[in-house]
Amino acid sequence: MSNSEHTPPKKDVESPATDNTTPAAETGTGFGVAPITRRWRREDMLKRGSLALRGLALLFSLLAFIIMASNKHGDWKDFDKYEEYRYLLAIAILSTFYTAGQVLRHVQELSTGKQMLEKRTSAMVDFFGDQIVAYLLVSSASSAVPLTNRMREGADNIFTDSSAAAISMGFFAFISLALSALISGYKLSTQSYI
């Protein structure tokens, strides 16, 4: 009898070091090149997504502002005779300035790679600014809806159509900023406070 008869055959076993499907590698946490590049891609995607949503909010706010400001058709068909429409116009102007500033800041940061504000401060300004302006947009648009509906019961004309268009643009701006606030909230929640 030889020793080779009594030894069990060797099994092909993968070592844990070659297994690339560990939970840390799947979630993007951990160490190594792959998780770091995934994190960079995710951060870049969040920056570009936030910029795109703010760009849409700027477009919709600007449209709401222009449509409402040009909604003057004489007699009772002037927007400035109605408090709700003046409120919608004021918030559209405020939203236009806020989103224009944010878009310019984000474009500058993406093009130069330098941050104008500290990362934590920037995340807080983004989150709270988006929340406040989004709330004001939905508030102003929802305050103008009942007035427009009452006017449309009596007469459906260019004044009520323009008012409805401005209200719609206000709601679209709200949706864009609300989604941007979600991204800002995620960015804020991933900040280290040490």
Protein backbone atom coordinates (compact mmCIF):
# COMPACT_ATOMS: atom_id res chain seq x y z
CA MET A 1 0.00 0.00 0.00
CA SER A 2 1.18 3.37 -0.87
CA ASN A 3 0.32 6.71 0.62
CA SER A 4 -1.27 7.95 -2.58
CA GLU A 5 -4.14 5.48 -2.19
CA HIS A 6 -5.21 6.81 1.19
CA THR A 7 -5.00 10.53 0.58
CA PRO A 8 -8.24 12.17 -0.43
CA PRO A 9 -8.26 13.96 -3.79
CA LYS A 10 -7.69 17.72 -3.67
CA LYS A 11 -10.73 19.92 -4.23
CA ASP A 12 -10.58 23.17 -6.18
CA VAL A 13 -11.47 25.75 -3.57
CA GLU A 14 -11.50 29.46 -4.31
CA SER A 15 -9.77 31.55 -1.75
CA PRO A 16 -11.75 34.39 -0.16
CA ALA A 17 -9.27 36.89 -1.58
CA THR A 18 -10.31 36.10 -5.18
CA ASP A 19 -14.05 36.31 -4.51
CA ASN A 20 -15.18 39.69 -5.89
CA THR A 21 -18.83 39.40 -4.85
CA THR A 22 -18.43 40.38 -1.24
CA PRO A 23 -21.14 42.65 0.17
CA ALA A 24 -18.69 45.56 0.44
CA ALA A 25 -17.83 45.31 -3.26
CA GLU A 26 -21.52 45.14 -4.24
CA THR A 27 -22.58 48.22 -2.29
CA GLY A 28 -19.67 50.42 -3.27
CA THR A 29 -18.33 50.62 0.26
CA GLY A 30 -15.03 49.17 1.17
CA PHE A 31 -11.56 49.58 -0.13
CA GLY A 32 -10.05 49.24 -3.55
CA VAL A 33 -10.30 50.90 -6.91
CA ALA A 34 -13.75 49.65 -8.01
CA PRO A 35 -15.73 50.99 -5.04
CA ILE A 36 -13.97 54.33 -5.25
CA THR A 37 -14.70 54.76 -8.95
CA ARG A 38 -18.33 53.73 -8.40
CA ARG A 39 -18.64 56.37 -5.66
CA TRP A 40 -17.10 59.00 -7.93
CA ARG A 41 -19.50 58.09 -10.75
CA ARG A 42 -22.46 58.21 -8.35
CA GLU A 43 -21.38 61.63 -6.99
CA ASP A 44 -20.90 62.94 -10.52
CA MET A 45 -24.32 61.63 -11.55
CA LEU A 46 -25.91 63.32 -8.51
CA LYS A 47 -24.21 66.63 -9.35
CA ARG A 48 -25.35 66.51 -12.97
CA GLY A 49 -28.86 65.36 -12.03
CA SER A 50 -29.20 68.14 -9.52
CA LEU A 51 -28.01 70.65 -12.12
CA ALA A 52 -30.50 69.32 -14.69
CA LEU A 53 -33.41 69.50 -12.23
CA ARG A 54 -32.49 73.04 -11.21
CA GLY A 55 -32.19 73.97 -14.87
CA LEU A 56 -35.72 72.67 -15.45
CA ALA A 57 -36.95 74.56 -12.40
CA LEU A 58 -35.32 77.71 -13.78
CA LEU A 59 -37.03 77.21 -17.13
CA PHE A 60 -40.46 76.58 -15.59
CA SER A 61 -40.13 79.45 -13.11
CA LEU A 62 -39.08 81.81 -15.87
CA LEU A 63 -42.03 80.69 -18.02
CA ALA A 64 -44.46 81.16 -15.12
CA PHE A 65 -43.02 84.64 -14.54
CA ILE A 66 -43.20 85.68 -18.21
CA ILE A 67 -46.67 84.24 -18.81
CA MET A 68 -48.17 85.84 -15.71
CA ALA A 69 -46.44 89.19 -16.19
CA SER A 70 -47.73 89.41 -19.75
CA ASN A 71 -51.28 88.42 -18.72
CA LYS A 72 -52.81 91.88 -19.16
CA HIS A 73 -55.81 92.07 -21.45
CA GLY A 74 -57.65 95.14 -20.16
CA ASP A 75 -60.56 95.72 -17.78
CA TRP A 76 -60.97 92.81 -15.35
CA LYS A 77 -58.47 90.73 -17.34
CA ASP A 78 -55.34 92.17 -15.69
CA PHE A 79 -53.40 89.86 -13.40
CA ASP A 80 -52.43 92.67 -11.03
CA LYS A 81 -56.06 93.14 -9.96
CA TYR A 82 -55.95 89.74 -8.25
CA GLU A 83 -53.93 89.05 -5.13
CA GLU A 84 -53.47 85.35 -5.95
CA TYR A 85 -51.91 86.13 -9.32
CA ARG A 86 -49.60 88.77 -7.83
CA TYR A 87 -48.47 86.17 -5.27
CA LEU A 88 -47.82 83.66 -8.06
CA LEU A 89 -45.80 86.25 -9.98
CA ALA A 90 -43.75 87.24 -6.91
CA ILE A 91 -42.86 83.63 -6.11
CA ALA A 92 -42.06 82.91 -9.77
CA ILE A 93 -39.62 85.84 -9.73
CA LEU A 94 -38.07 84.64 -6.45
CA SER A 95 -37.79 81.09 -7.78
CA THR A 96 -36.22 82.33 -11.01
CA PHE A 97 -33.53 84.23 -9.12
CA TYR A 98 -32.86 81.34 -6.70
CA THR A 99 -32.62 78.68 -9.39
CA ALA A 100 -30.53 80.93 -11.67
CA GLY A 101 -28.06 81.47 -8.84
CA GLN A 102 -27.94 77.77 -8.06
CA VAL A 103 -27.49 76.82 -11.73
CA LEU A 104 -24.67 79.34 -12.14
CA ARG A 105 -22.98 78.10 -8.97
CA HIS A 106 -23.22 74.45 -10.04
CA VAL A 107 -22.01 75.17 -13.58
CA GLN A 108 -19.04 77.08 -12.16
CA GLU A 109 -18.23 74.23 -9.76
CA LEU A 110 -18.49 71.59 -12.49
CA SER A 111 -16.41 73.58 -14.97
CA THR A 112 -13.61 74.65 -12.63
CA GLY A 113 -13.71 71.82 -10.11
CA LYS A 114 -13.54 74.34 -7.26
CA GLN A 115 -16.32 74.73 -4.74
CA MET A 116 -17.57 78.23 -3.96
CA LEU A 117 -18.82 77.12 -0.55
CA GLU A 118 -17.64 74.51 1.89
CA LYS A 119 -19.13 71.11 0.99
CA ARG A 120 -21.27 70.85 4.12
CA THR A 121 -22.50 74.46 3.84
CA SER A 122 -23.28 73.92 0.17
CA ALA A 123 -25.34 70.82 0.97
CA MET A 124 -27.31 72.68 3.63
CA VAL A 125 -27.96 75.71 1.38
CA ASP A 126 -29.09 73.40 -1.42
CA PHE A 127 -31.40 71.36 0.78
CA PHE A 128 -33.04 74.17 2.72
CA GLY A 129 -33.21 76.51 -0.28
CA ASP A 130 -34.84 73.85 -2.45
CA GLN A 131 -37.31 73.00 0.31
CA ILE A 132 -38.35 76.60 0.96
CA VAL A 133 -38.67 77.63 -2.68
CA ALA A 134 -40.53 74.42 -3.58
CA TYR A 135 -43.00 75.05 -0.76
CA LEU A 136 -43.52 78.65 -1.90
CA LEU A 137 -44.08 77.51 -5.49
CA VAL A 138 -46.72 74.95 -4.60
CA SER A 139 -48.35 77.41 -2.21
CA SER A 140 -48.60 80.16 -4.82
CA ALA A 141 -49.83 77.86 -7.56
CA SER A 142 -52.44 76.22 -5.35
CA SER A 143 -53.72 79.61 -4.18
CA ALA A 144 -54.35 80.69 -7.78
CA VAL A 145 -56.16 77.51 -8.88
CA PRO A 146 -59.55 78.23 -7.20
CA LEU A 147 -59.69 81.76 -8.62
CA THR A 148 -58.93 80.50 -12.12
CA ASN A 149 -61.54 77.74 -11.83
CA ARG A 150 -64.20 80.26 -10.74
CA MET A 151 -63.32 82.54 -13.65
CA ARG A 152 -63.46 79.64 -16.11
CA GLU A 153 -67.00 78.80 -14.99
CA GLY A 154 -68.12 82.23 -16.21
CA ALA A 155 -65.92 82.68 -19.25
CA ASP A 156 -63.09 80.69 -20.78
CA ASN A 157 -60.85 83.18 -22.55
CA ILE A 158 -57.20 84.03 -23.15
CA PHE A 159 -56.84 85.54 -19.67
CA THR A 160 -57.91 82.33 -17.91
CA ASP A 161 -55.87 80.22 -20.34
CA SER A 162 -52.75 82.28 -19.64
CA SER A 163 -53.41 82.06 -15.91
CA ALA A 164 -53.78 78.28 -16.14
CA ALA A 165 -50.53 78.06 -18.13
CA ALA A 166 -48.64 80.12 -15.53
CA ILE A 167 -50.07 77.95 -12.74
CA SER A 168 -48.99 74.80 -14.59
CA MET A 169 -45.47 76.13 -15.00
CA GLY A 170 -45.41 76.89 -11.26
CA PHE A 171 -46.39 73.29 -10.49
CA PHE A 172 -43.75 71.93 -12.87
CA ALA A 173 -41.13 74.15 -11.21
CA PHE A 174 -42.28 72.79 -7.84
CA ILE A 175 -41.89 69.18 -9.02
CA SER A 176 -38.39 69.89 -10.35
CA LEU A 177 -37.30 71.56 -7.12
CA ALA A 178 -38.91 68.86 -4.97
CA LEU A 179 -36.89 66.20 -6.81
CA SER A 180 -33.79 68.37 -6.48
CA ALA A 181 -34.51 68.62 -2.75
CA LEU A 182 -34.50 64.82 -2.55
CA ILE A 183 -31.04 64.74 -4.11
CA SER A 184 -29.91 67.56 -1.81
CA GLY A 185 -31.26 65.66 1.18
CA TYR A 186 -29.31 62.57 0.13
CA LYS A 187 -26.14 64.63 -0.26
CA LEU A 188 -26.71 66.20 3.16
CA SER A 189 -27.30 62.84 4.80
CA THR A 190 -24.04 61.41 3.44
CA GLN A 191 -21.91 64.27 4.82
CA SER A 192 -19.58 63.37 7.62
CA TYR A 193 -19.91 65.64 10.63
CA ILE A 194 -16.48 64.98 12.07
